[in-house]
């Protein structure tokens, strides 16, 4: 399957060799990366992770087709955005953008308290699909998430005899035994009541979101992961810093993905912030430069645009 995908992408083995720096005579000679160690060829590793995201979407499309035979009507969704902001994104297969387009009838949040996950999901859905929080364990930021686009919250009780098993009121993230205190539970319930009481106002607030600023969600910088480092890459750390800084400006913020840039969706924004996207494919760079030439404002945070998606030095 990997070989077929590569053939569809490159067309000829000569083009693959040019980008990979290899000497294959035929696509049949390509071997899978060894999962027990890091693939030393940066270009091959990038395409392998890109392929893995595609493969998982294809699997989910097949699974949904089979589920539809059992129930033709029930809304379905898969994959929350947590992995989309980690260095393991390509390995996880959780391409939420493509899943939102081709599989999901609504969006799953299931992520920590930061509103960036809801903003990310809202930015992916051109027709504003519902965004559902299916854990509801972060009561401290519940109202903020609704003001950013969250549609529904699952608030449920867990079992007090099954540690680490259950939902919002008995455990919040990082607060396993002694679980949630009664004052915290009361605050969560009051927030839930406020959301229900203010649903029309919340809807009006969501409907009026027109972000003038976009934060670049760079596929190249997400998949071309440096060998060293902890859970976050320099790019992901800067995404968080830039997002938090933009929130303090008091304006709505969208994420714009590599795919959306290539679809010429930059023109709807006034400002584009590129958060230390060290790796970027040339056609995205050209689109951004065109945006700047036609009046768009670009904030380029160091260190951006040093290498292409295959880790080749760029001018």
C-alpha atoms as a PDB file:
ATOM      1  CA  UNK A   1       0.000   0.000   0.000  1.00  0.00           C
ATOM      2  CA  UNK A   2       2.877   2.385   0.800  1.00  0.00           C
ATOM      3  CA  UNK A   3       4.465   1.702  -2.586  1.00  0.00           C
ATOM      4  CA  UNK A   4       1.185   2.346  -4.405  1.00  0.00           C
ATOM      5  CA  UNK A   5       0.727   5.602  -2.500  1.00  0.00           C
ATOM      6  CA  UNK A   6       4.271   6.697  -3.410  1.00  0.00           C
ATOM      7  CA  UNK A   7       3.709   5.874  -7.060  1.00  0.00           C
ATOM      8  CA  UNK A   8       0.527   7.966  -7.083  1.00  0.00           C
ATOM      9  CA  UNK A   9       2.370  10.852  -5.440  1.00  0.00           C
ATOM     10  CA  UNK A  10       5.635  10.874  -7.418  1.00  0.00           C
ATOM     11  CA  UNK A  11       4.604   9.295 -10.711  1.00  0.00           C
ATOM     12  CA  UNK A  12       8.099   8.021 -11.492  1.00  0.00           C
ATOM     13  CA  UNK A  13      10.795   6.391  -9.385  1.00  0.00           C
ATOM     14  CA  UNK A  14      13.221   8.994 -10.738  1.00  0.00           C
ATOM     15  CA  UNK A  15      11.221  11.773  -9.060  1.00  0.00           C
ATOM     16  CA  UNK A  16      11.156   9.801  -5.803  1.00  0.00           C
ATOM     17  CA  UNK A  17      14.930   9.315  -5.965  1.00  0.00           C
ATOM     18  CA  UNK A  18      15.407  13.020  -6.588  1.00  0.00           C
ATOM     19  CA  UNK A  19      13.426  14.005  -3.491  1.00  0.00           C
ATOM     20  CA  UNK A  20      14.634  11.173  -1.272  1.00  0.00           C
ATOM     21  CA  UNK A  21      18.259  11.123  -2.381  1.00  0.00           C
ATOM     22  CA  UNK A  22      17.993   7.395  -3.103  1.00  0.00           C
ATOM     23  CA  UNK A  23      18.848   5.094  -6.031  1.00  0.00           C
ATOM     24  CA  UNK A  24      15.834   2.807  -6.384  1.00  0.00           C
ATOM     25  CA  UNK A  25      15.314   1.143  -9.743  1.00  0.00           C
ATOM     26  CA  UNK A  26      11.612   0.532  -9.084  1.00  0.00           C
ATOM     27  CA  UNK A  27       8.954   1.354  -6.473  1.00  0.00           C
ATOM     28  CA  UNK A  28       8.985  -2.336  -5.541  1.00  0.00           C
ATOM     29  CA  UNK A  29      12.399  -1.789  -3.945  1.00  0.00           C
ATOM     30  CA  UNK A  30      11.036   0.637  -1.339  1.00  0.00           C
ATOM     31  CA  UNK A  31      10.946  -0.916   2.118  1.00  0.00           C
ATOM     32  CA  UNK A  32       8.913   0.191   5.114  1.00  0.00           C
ATOM     33  CA  UNK A  33      10.787   2.159   7.776  1.00  0.00           C
ATOM     34  CA  UNK A  34      11.950   0.077  10.741  1.00  0.00           C
ATOM     35  CA  UNK A  35       9.505   0.900  13.528  1.00  0.00           C
ATOM     36  CA  UNK A  36      12.104  -0.019  16.184  1.00  0.00           C
ATOM     37  CA  UNK A  37      14.270   2.993  15.403  1.00  0.00           C
ATOM     38  CA  UNK A  38      14.131   6.425  13.796  1.00  0.00           C
ATOM     39  CA  UNK A  39      14.204   6.343   9.991  1.00  0.00           C
ATOM     40  CA  UNK A  40      17.488   8.113   9.051  1.00  0.00           C
ATOM     41  CA  UNK A  41      16.213   9.400   5.691  1.00  0.00           C
ATOM     42  CA  UNK A  42      14.272  12.571   6.575  1.00  0.00           C
ATOM     43  CA  UNK A  43      12.390  12.620   3.266  1.00  0.00           C
ATOM     44  CA  UNK A  44      11.324   8.988   3.518  1.00  0.00           C
ATOM     45  CA  UNK A  45      10.250   9.439   7.134  1.00  0.00           C
ATOM     46  CA  UNK A  46       8.161  12.492   6.168  1.00  0.00           C
ATOM     47  CA  UNK A  47       6.361  10.613   3.395  1.00  0.00           C
ATOM     48  CA  UNK A  48       5.842   7.591   5.632  1.00  0.00           C
ATOM     49  CA  UNK A  49       4.079   9.745   8.258  1.00  0.00           C
ATOM     50  CA  UNK A  50       2.090  11.540   5.540  1.00  0.00           C
ATOM     51  CA  UNK A  51       1.064   8.142   4.176  1.00  0.00           C
ATOM     52  CA  UNK A  52       0.082   6.933   7.651  1.00  0.00           C
ATOM     53  CA  UNK A  53      -2.326   9.844   8.065  1.00  0.00           C
ATOM     54  CA  UNK A  54      -3.899   8.976   4.697  1.00  0.00           C
ATOM     55  CA  UNK A  55      -4.039   5.256   5.557  1.00  0.00           C
ATOM     56  CA  UNK A  56      -5.896   5.856   8.812  1.00  0.00           C
ATOM     57  CA  UNK A  57      -8.480   8.088   7.103  1.00  0.00           C
ATOM     58  CA  UNK A  58      -9.070   5.379   4.495  1.00  0.00           C
ATOM     59  CA  UNK A  59      -9.586   2.846   7.281  1.00  0.00           C
ATOM     60  CA  UNK A  60     -12.083   5.122   9.026  1.00  0.00           C
ATOM     61  CA  UNK A  61     -13.979   5.693   5.785  1.00  0.00           C
ATOM     62  CA  UNK A  62     -14.264   1.924   5.388  1.00  0.00           C
ATOM     63  CA  UNK A  63     -15.359   1.498   9.011  1.00  0.00           C
ATOM     64  CA  UNK A  64     -18.040   4.170   8.627  1.00  0.00           C
ATOM     65  CA  UNK A  65     -19.373   2.460   5.500  1.00  0.00           C
ATOM     66  CA  UNK A  66     -19.788  -0.759   7.492  1.00  0.00           C
ATOM     67  CA  UNK A  67     -21.387   1.070  10.411  1.00  0.00           C
ATOM     68  CA  UNK A  68     -23.834   2.715   8.009  1.00  0.00           C
ATOM     69  CA  UNK A  69     -25.075  -0.750   7.047  1.00  0.00           C
ATOM     70  CA  UNK A  70     -26.123  -1.226  10.670  1.00  0.00           C
ATOM     71  CA  UNK A  71     -27.489   2.276  11.216  1.00  0.00           C
ATOM     72  CA  UNK A  72     -27.930   4.600   8.223  1.00  0.00           C
ATOM     73  CA  UNK A  73     -28.812   7.699  10.250  1.00  0.00           C
ATOM     74  CA  UNK A  74     -26.911   8.073  13.504  1.00  0.00           C
ATOM     75  CA  UNK A  75     -24.264  10.849  13.412  1.00  0.00           C
ATOM     76  CA  UNK A  76     -20.697   9.516  13.550  1.00  0.00           C
ATOM     77  CA  UNK A  77     -17.310  10.972  14.343  1.00  0.00           C
ATOM     78  CA  UNK A  78     -13.831   9.788  15.173  1.00  0.00           C
ATOM     79  CA  UNK A  79     -10.593  11.321  16.488  1.00  0.00           C
ATOM     80  CA  UNK A  80     -10.221  14.352  18.710  1.00  0.00           C
ATOM     81  CA  UNK A  81      -7.562  17.019  18.080  1.00  0.00           C
ATOM     82  CA  UNK A  82      -5.185  16.292  20.961  1.00  0.00           C
ATOM     83  CA  UNK A  83      -2.690  14.369  18.804  1.00  0.00           C
ATOM     84  CA  UNK A  84      -2.798  17.123  16.207  1.00  0.00           C
ATOM     85  CA  UNK A  85      -0.759  19.249  18.617  1.00  0.00           C
ATOM     86  CA  UNK A  86       1.873  16.660  19.562  1.00  0.00           C
ATOM     87  CA  UNK A  87       5.098  15.423  17.976  1.00  0.00           C
ATOM     88  CA  UNK A  88       3.386  12.026  17.488  1.00  0.00           C
ATOM     89  CA  UNK A  89       0.772  13.416  15.105  1.00  0.00           C
ATOM     90  CA  UNK A  90       1.960  11.532  12.026  1.00  0.00           C
ATOM     91  CA  UNK A  91       2.338   8.310  13.969  1.00  0.00           C
ATOM     92  CA  UNK A  92      -1.139   8.630  15.476  1.00  0.00           C
ATOM     93  CA  UNK A  93      -2.870   8.797  12.085  1.00  0.00           C
ATOM     94  CA  UNK A  94      -5.324  11.338  13.507  1.00  0.00           C
ATOM     95  CA  UNK A  95      -5.681  13.721  10.568  1.00  0.00           C
ATOM     96  CA  UNK A  96      -8.656  15.602  11.989  1.00  0.00           C
ATOM     97  CA  UNK A  97      -8.808  17.986   9.028  1.00  0.00           C
ATOM     98  CA  UNK A  98      -9.352  15.220   6.465  1.00  0.00           C
ATOM     99  CA  UNK A  99     -11.547  13.222   8.837  1.00  0.00           C
ATOM    100  CA  UNK A 100     -13.753  16.286   9.287  1.00  0.00           C
ATOM    101  CA  UNK A 101     -14.095  16.560   5.516  1.00  0.00           C
ATOM    102  CA  UNK A 102     -14.555  12.883   4.654  1.00  0.00           C
ATOM    103  CA  UNK A 103     -15.756  10.979   7.740  1.00  0.00           C
ATOM    104  CA  UNK A 104     -17.074  13.022  10.649  1.00  0.00           C
ATOM    105  CA  UNK A 105     -20.675  14.180  10.849  1.00  0.00           C
ATOM    106  CA  UNK A 106     -19.659  16.340  13.827  1.00  0.00           C
ATOM    107  CA  UNK A 107     -16.376  17.178  15.564  1.00  0.00           C
ATOM    108  CA  UNK A 108     -15.065  15.633  18.768  1.00  0.00           C
ATOM    109  CA  UNK A 109     -13.128  17.841  21.154  1.00  0.00           C
ATOM    110  CA  UNK A 110     -12.070  15.594  24.104  1.00  0.00           C
ATOM    111  CA  UNK A 111      -9.083  17.828  24.789  1.00  0.00           C
ATOM    112  CA  UNK A 112      -7.563  19.838  27.664  1.00  0.00           C
ATOM    113  CA  UNK A 113      -8.847  23.191  28.772  1.00  0.00           C
ATOM    114  CA  UNK A 114      -7.210  25.465  26.197  1.00  0.00           C
ATOM    115  CA  UNK A 115      -9.663  26.991  23.747  1.00  0.00           C
ATOM    116  CA  UNK A 116      -7.172  26.404  20.915  1.00  0.00           C
ATOM    117  CA  UNK A 117      -8.635  22.961  20.249  1.00  0.00           C
ATOM    118  CA  UNK A 118     -12.143  24.358  19.731  1.00  0.00           C
ATOM    119  CA  UNK A 119     -10.735  27.182  17.574  1.00  0.00           C
ATOM    120  CA  UNK A 120      -8.844  24.559  15.562  1.00  0.00           C
ATOM    121  CA  UNK A 121     -11.962  22.453  14.981  1.00  0.00           C
ATOM    122  CA  UNK A 122     -14.042  25.520  14.141  1.00  0.00           C
ATOM    123  CA  UNK A 123     -11.441  26.597  11.588  1.00  0.00           C
ATOM    124  CA  UNK A 124     -11.528  23.202   9.835  1.00  0.00           C
ATOM    125  CA  UNK A 125     -15.266  23.026   9.347  1.00  0.00           C
ATOM    126  CA  UNK A 126     -16.432  25.179   6.464  1.00  0.00           C
ATOM    127  CA  UNK A 127     -20.090  24.549   7.289  1.00  0.00           C
ATOM    128  CA  UNK A 128     -19.607  24.868  11.059  1.00  0.00           C
ATOM    129  CA  UNK A 129     -20.192  21.271  12.096  1.00  0.00           C
ATOM    130  CA  UNK A 130     -21.143  20.785  15.725  1.00  0.00           C
ATOM    131  CA  UNK A 131     -18.193  20.524  18.135  1.00  0.00           C
ATOM    132  CA  UNK A 132     -18.900  18.151  21.017  1.00  0.00           C
ATOM    133  CA  UNK A 133     -16.917  17.835  24.268  1.00  0.00           C
ATOM    134  CA  UNK A 134     -17.356  14.190  25.219  1.00  0.00           C
ATOM    135  CA  UNK A 135     -15.558  14.199  28.549  1.00  0.00           C
ATOM    136  CA  UNK A 136     -16.439  17.513  30.106  1.00  0.00           C
ATOM    137  CA  UNK A 137     -13.688  17.191  32.690  1.00  0.00           C
ATOM    138  CA  UNK A 138     -12.310  20.724  32.372  1.00  0.00           C
ATOM    139  CA  UNK A 139     -15.010  22.785  34.061  1.00  0.00           C
ATOM    140  CA  UNK A 140     -12.613  25.722  34.619  1.00  0.00           C
ATOM    141  CA  UNK A 141     -12.772  26.697  30.949  1.00  0.00           C
ATOM    142  CA  UNK A 142     -16.154  25.351  29.915  1.00  0.00           C
ATOM    143  CA  UNK A 143     -17.852  28.690  29.273  1.00  0.00           C
ATOM    144  CA  UNK A 144     -14.836  30.012  27.341  1.00  0.00           C
ATOM    145  CA  UNK A 145     -14.918  26.961  25.071  1.00  0.00           C
ATOM    146  CA  UNK A 146     -18.605  27.594  24.303  1.00  0.00           C
ATOM    147  CA  UNK A 147     -17.849  31.211  23.448  1.00  0.00           C
ATOM    148  CA  UNK A 148     -15.197  29.938  21.009  1.00  0.00           C
ATOM    149  CA  UNK A 149     -17.546  27.511  19.250  1.00  0.00           C
ATOM    150  CA  UNK A 150     -18.231  24.427  21.395  1.00  0.00           C
ATOM    151  CA  UNK A 151     -21.720  23.060  20.711  1.00  0.00           C
ATOM    152  CA  UNK A 152     -22.446  20.435  23.364  1.00  0.00           C
ATOM    153  CA  UNK A 153     -21.006  19.088  26.611  1.00  0.00           C
ATOM    154  CA  UNK A 154     -21.246  15.579  27.979  1.00  0.00           C
ATOM    155  CA  UNK A 155     -21.459  15.822  31.767  1.00  0.00           C
ATOM    156  CA  UNK A 156     -21.486  12.439  33.452  1.00  0.00           C
ATOM    157  CA  UNK A 157     -20.760  10.745  36.747  1.00  0.00           C
ATOM    158  CA  UNK A 158     -18.225   7.976  37.221  1.00  0.00           C
ATOM    159  CA  UNK A 159     -17.770   5.026  39.536  1.00  0.00           C
ATOM    160  CA  UNK A 160     -16.222   5.668  42.917  1.00  0.00           C
ATOM    161  CA  UNK A 161     -14.889   2.100  43.113  1.00  0.00           C
ATOM    162  CA  UNK A 162     -12.983   2.141  39.803  1.00  0.00           C
ATOM    163  CA  UNK A 163     -10.009   4.451  40.039  1.00  0.00           C
ATOM    164  CA  UNK A 164      -9.295   6.338  36.820  1.00  0.00           C
ATOM    165  CA  UNK A 165     -12.499   5.069  35.244  1.00  0.00           C
ATOM    166  CA  UNK A 166     -15.202   7.564  34.482  1.00  0.00           C
ATOM    167  CA  UNK A 167     -16.043  11.135  33.962  1.00  0.00           C
ATOM    168  CA  UNK A 168     -16.114  14.737  34.790  1.00  0.00           C
ATOM    169  CA  UNK A 169     -17.142  15.040  38.400  1.00  0.00           C
ATOM    170  CA  UNK A 170     -15.018  12.258  39.826  1.00  0.00           C
ATOM    171  CA  UNK A 171     -11.846  13.071  37.963  1.00  0.00           C
ATOM    172  CA  UNK A 172     -10.464  16.039  36.204  1.00  0.00           C
ATOM    173  CA  UNK A 173      -7.229  15.714  34.246  1.00  0.00           C
ATOM    174  CA  UNK A 174      -4.352  15.427  36.690  1.00  0.00           C
ATOM    175  CA  UNK A 175      -6.653  15.152  39.698  1.00  0.00           C
ATOM    176  CA  UNK A 176      -7.166  11.428  40.246  1.00  0.00           C
ATOM    177  CA  UNK A 177      -7.815  10.362  43.827  1.00  0.00           C
ATOM    178  CA  UNK A 178      -9.150  12.094  45.809  1.00  0.00           C
ATOM    179  CA  UNK A 179     -11.075  13.097  42.705  1.00  0.00           C
ATOM    180  CA  UNK A 180     -13.181  16.244  42.418  1.00  0.00           C
ATOM    181  CA  UNK A 181     -14.237  18.102  45.553  1.00  0.00           C
ATOM    182  CA  UNK A 182     -17.890  18.945  46.184  1.00  0.00           C
ATOM    183  CA  UNK A 183     -17.302  22.723  45.671  1.00  0.00           C
ATOM    184  CA  UNK A 184     -15.685  21.901  42.310  1.00  0.00           C
ATOM    185  CA  UNK A 185     -18.620  19.677  41.362  1.00  0.00           C
ATOM    186  CA  UNK A 186     -21.021  22.460  42.295  1.00  0.00           C
ATOM    187  CA  UNK A 187     -19.108  24.925  40.120  1.00  0.00           C
ATOM    188  CA  UNK A 188     -19.251  22.561  37.149  1.00  0.00           C
ATOM    189  CA  UNK A 189     -22.988  22.032  37.581  1.00  0.00           C
ATOM    190  CA  UNK A 190     -23.610  25.777  37.894  1.00  0.00           C
ATOM    191  CA  UNK A 191     -21.593  26.337  34.712  1.00  0.00           C
ATOM    192  CA  UNK A 192     -23.709  23.730  32.945  1.00  0.00           C
ATOM    193  CA  UNK A 193     -26.872  25.504  34.049  1.00  0.00           C
ATOM    194  CA  UNK A 194     -25.475  28.874  32.896  1.00  0.00           C
ATOM    195  CA  UNK A 195     -24.712  27.420  29.470  1.00  0.00           C
ATOM    196  CA  UNK A 196     -28.245  26.067  29.141  1.00  0.00           C
ATOM    197  CA  UNK A 197     -29.757  29.357  30.370  1.00  0.00           C
ATOM    198  CA  UNK A 198     -27.613  31.488  28.035  1.00  0.00           C
ATOM    199  CA  UNK A 199     -27.731  29.233  24.990  1.00  0.00           C
ATOM    200  CA  UNK A 200     -29.299  31.855  22.709  1.00  0.00           C
ATOM    201  CA  UNK A 201     -26.708  34.464  23.698  1.00  0.00           C
ATOM    202  CA  UNK A 202     -23.884  31.938  23.243  1.00  0.00           C
ATOM    203  CA  UNK A 203     -25.192  31.035  19.812  1.00  0.00           C
ATOM    204  CA  UNK A 204     -25.311  34.694  18.825  1.00  0.00           C
ATOM    205  CA  UNK A 205     -21.744  35.157  20.067  1.00  0.00           C
ATOM    206  CA  UNK A 206     -20.542  32.126  18.062  1.00  0.00           C
ATOM    207  CA  UNK A 207     -22.391  33.268  14.959  1.00  0.00           C
ATOM    208  CA  UNK A 208     -20.550  36.593  15.027  1.00  0.00           C
ATOM    209  CA  UNK A 209     -17.040  35.085  15.105  1.00  0.00           C
ATOM    210  CA  UNK A 210     -15.118  36.514  12.147  1.00  0.00           C
ATOM    211  CA  UNK A 211     -11.423  36.072  12.827  1.00  0.00           C
ATOM    212  CA  UNK A 212      -9.128  38.710  11.289  1.00  0.00           C
ATOM    213  CA  UNK A 213      -6.030  36.751  12.339  1.00  0.00           C
ATOM    214  CA  UNK A 214      -4.925  33.268  11.304  1.00  0.00           C
ATOM    215  CA  UNK A 215      -2.222  31.081  12.854  1.00  0.00           C
ATOM    216  CA  UNK A 216      -0.451  28.798  10.377  1.00  0.00           C
ATOM    217  CA  UNK A 217      -0.920  25.092  11.097  1.00  0.00           C
ATOM    218  CA  UNK A 218       2.020  23.807   9.071  1.00  0.00           C
ATOM    219  CA  UNK A 219       1.899  20.189   7.960  1.00  0.00           C
ATOM    220  CA  UNK A 220       5.599  20.273   7.090  1.00  0.00           C
ATOM    221  CA  UNK A 221       6.665  21.476  10.539  1.00  0.00           C
ATOM    222  CA  UNK A 222       4.381  18.951  12.208  1.00  0.00           C
ATOM    223  CA  UNK A 223       5.631  15.922  10.290  1.00  0.00           C
ATOM    224  CA  UNK A 224       9.328  16.839  10.000  1.00  0.00           C
ATOM    225  CA  UNK A 225      10.037  16.254  13.686  1.00  0.00           C
ATOM    226  CA  UNK A 226      13.573  16.870  15.031  1.00  0.00           C
ATOM    227  CA  UNK A 227      15.264  13.832  16.539  1.00  0.00           C
ATOM    228  CA  UNK A 228      15.923  15.453  19.916  1.00  0.00           C
ATOM    229  CA  UNK A 229      13.438  17.004  22.292  1.00  0.00           C
ATOM    230  CA  UNK A 230      10.590  16.247  24.633  1.00  0.00           C
ATOM    231  CA  UNK A 231       6.877  16.021  24.037  1.00  0.00           C
ATOM    232  CA  UNK A 232       6.751  19.319  22.148  1.00  0.00           C
ATOM    233  CA  UNK A 233       8.804  20.465  19.164  1.00  0.00           C
ATOM    234  CA  UNK A 234       9.976  24.098  18.853  1.00  0.00           C
ATOM    235  CA  UNK A 235       7.160  24.633  16.356  1.00  0.00           C
ATOM    236  CA  UNK A 236       4.482  23.293  18.711  1.00  0.00           C
ATOM    237  CA  UNK A 237       5.822  25.332  21.621  1.00  0.00           C
ATOM    238  CA  UNK A 238       5.668  28.477  19.499  1.00  0.00           C
ATOM    239  CA  UNK A 239       2.153  27.635  18.306  1.00  0.00           C
ATOM    240  CA  UNK A 240       1.053  27.663  21.943  1.00  0.00           C
ATOM    241  CA  UNK A 241       2.913  30.893  22.735  1.00  0.00           C
ATOM    242  CA  UNK A 242       1.608  32.687  19.656  1.00  0.00           C
ATOM    243  CA  UNK A 243      -1.947  31.491  20.253  1.00  0.00           C
ATOM    244  CA  UNK A 244      -1.921  32.643  23.884  1.00  0.00           C
ATOM    245  CA  UNK A 245      -0.458  36.016  22.862  1.00  0.00           C
ATOM    246  CA  UNK A 246      -3.113  36.503  20.177  1.00  0.00           C
ATOM    247  CA  UNK A 247      -5.887  35.731  22.662  1.00  0.00           C
ATOM    248  CA  UNK A 248      -4.680  38.635  24.790  1.00  0.00           C
ATOM    249  CA  UNK A 249      -5.325  40.981  21.862  1.00  0.00           C
ATOM    250  CA  UNK A 250      -9.030  40.331  22.289  1.00  0.00           C
ATOM    251  CA  UNK A 251      -9.690  39.255  18.697  1.00  0.00           C
ATOM    252  CA  UNK A 252     -10.962  35.914  17.386  1.00  0.00           C
ATOM    253  CA  UNK A 253      -8.208  33.645  16.067  1.00  0.00           C
ATOM    254  CA  UNK A 254      -8.453  30.952  13.395  1.00  0.00           C
ATOM    255  CA  UNK A 255      -6.001  28.262  12.453  1.00  0.00           C
ATOM    256  CA  UNK A 256      -5.256  27.990   8.749  1.00  0.00           C
ATOM    257  CA  UNK A 257      -3.833  24.689   7.551  1.00  0.00           C
ATOM    258  CA  UNK A 258      -1.399  23.929   4.753  1.00  0.00           C
ATOM    259  CA  UNK A 259      -4.281  22.558   2.686  1.00  0.00           C
ATOM    260  CA  UNK A 260      -6.340  25.718   3.197  1.00  0.00           C
ATOM    261  CA  UNK A 261      -3.408  27.950   2.208  1.00  0.00           C
ATOM    262  CA  UNK A 262      -3.042  25.980  -1.021  1.00  0.00           C
ATOM    263  CA  UNK A 263      -6.799  26.409  -1.589  1.00  0.00           C
ATOM    264  CA  UNK A 264      -6.291  30.220  -1.536  1.00  0.00           C
ATOM    265  CA  UNK A 265      -8.174  30.784   1.711  1.00  0.00           C
ATOM    266  CA  UNK A 266      -5.612  33.241   3.050  1.00  0.00           C
ATOM    267  CA  UNK A 267      -7.380  36.184   1.442  1.00  0.00           C
ATOM    268  CA  UNK A 268     -10.166  36.172   4.067  1.00  0.00           C
ATOM    269  CA  UNK A 269      -7.696  37.237   6.784  1.00  0.00           C
ATOM    270  CA  UNK A 270      -5.888  40.481   7.516  1.00  0.00           C
ATOM    271  CA  UNK A 271      -2.949  38.967   9.410  1.00  0.00           C
ATOM    272  CA  UNK A 272      -1.124  35.646   9.168  1.00  0.00           C
ATOM    273  CA  UNK A 273       1.158  34.544  12.010  1.00  0.00           C
ATOM    274  CA  UNK A 274       3.758  31.878  11.187  1.00  0.00           C
ATOM    275  CA  UNK A 275       4.936  30.387  14.496  1.00  0.00           C
ATOM    276  CA  UNK A 276       8.506  29.146  14.018  1.00  0.00           C
ATOM    277  CA  UNK A 277       7.627  26.908  11.079  1.00  0.00           C
ATOM    278  CA  UNK A 278      11.214  25.772  10.465  1.00  0.00           C
ATOM    279  CA  UNK A 279      10.076  23.406   7.706  1.00  0.00           C
ATOM    280  CA  UNK A 280       7.741  24.460   4.903  1.00  0.00           C
ATOM    281  CA  UNK A 281       6.984  23.315   1.393  1.00  0.00           C
ATOM    282  CA  UNK A 282       7.783  25.780  -1.361  1.00  0.00           C
ATOM    283  CA  UNK A 283       4.251  26.174  -2.722  1.00  0.00           C
ATOM    284  CA  UNK A 284       3.002  27.280   0.706  1.00  0.00           C
ATOM    285  CA  UNK A 285       5.811  29.855   0.939  1.00  0.00           C
ATOM    286  CA  UNK A 286       4.857  31.203  -2.489  1.00  0.00           C
ATOM    287  CA  UNK A 287       1.187  31.527  -1.463  1.00  0.00           C
ATOM    288  CA  UNK A 288       2.146  33.399   1.702  1.00  0.00           C
ATOM    289  CA  UNK A 289       4.437  35.754  -0.227  1.00  0.00           C
ATOM    290  CA  UNK A 290       1.618  36.461  -2.679  1.00  0.00           C
ATOM    291  CA  UNK A 291      -0.688  37.222   0.279  1.00  0.00           C
ATOM    292  CA  UNK A 292       1.868  39.739   1.590  1.00  0.00           C
ATOM    293  CA  UNK A 293       2.357  41.332  -1.833  1.00  0.00           C
ATOM    294  CA  UNK A 294      -1.390  41.938  -2.162  1.00  0.00           C
ATOM    295  CA  UNK A 295      -1.716  43.706   1.190  1.00  0.00           C
ATOM    296  CA  UNK A 296      -1.849  40.954   3.796  1.00  0.00           C
ATOM    297  CA  UNK A 297       0.240  41.337   6.941  1.00  0.00           C
ATOM    298  CA  UNK A 298       2.595  38.450   7.783  1.00  0.00           C
ATOM    299  CA  UNK A 299       4.255  37.965  11.149  1.00  0.00           C
ATOM    300  CA  UNK A 300       7.138  35.539  10.718  1.00  0.00           C
ATOM    301  CA  UNK A 301       8.353  34.191  14.065  1.00  0.00           C
ATOM    302  CA  UNK A 302      11.938  32.842  14.126  1.00  0.00           C
ATOM    303  CA  UNK A 303      13.033  30.331  13.181  1.00  0.00           C
ATOM    304  CA  UNK A 304      10.802  29.930  10.139  1.00  0.00           C
ATOM    305  CA  UNK A 305      11.368  28.753   6.563  1.00  0.00           C
ATOM    306  CA  UNK A 306      14.901  27.375   6.906  1.00  0.00           C
ATOM    307  CA  UNK A 307      14.143  24.014   5.265  1.00  0.00           C
ATOM    308  CA  UNK A 308      11.539  22.419   3.017  1.00  0.00           C
ATOM    309  CA  UNK A 309       9.335  19.537   4.140  1.00  0.00           C
ATOM    310  CA  UNK A 310      12.145  17.069   3.368  1.00  0.00           C
ATOM    311  CA  UNK A 311      14.632  18.950   5.565  1.00  0.00           C
ATOM    312  CA  UNK A 312      16.543  20.397   2.604  1.00  0.00           C
ATOM    313  CA  UNK A 313      18.069  23.835   3.121  1.00  0.00           C
ATOM    314  CA  UNK A 314      16.129  26.623   1.404  1.00  0.00           C
ATOM    315  CA  UNK A 315      17.061  30.107   0.295  1.00  0.00           C
END
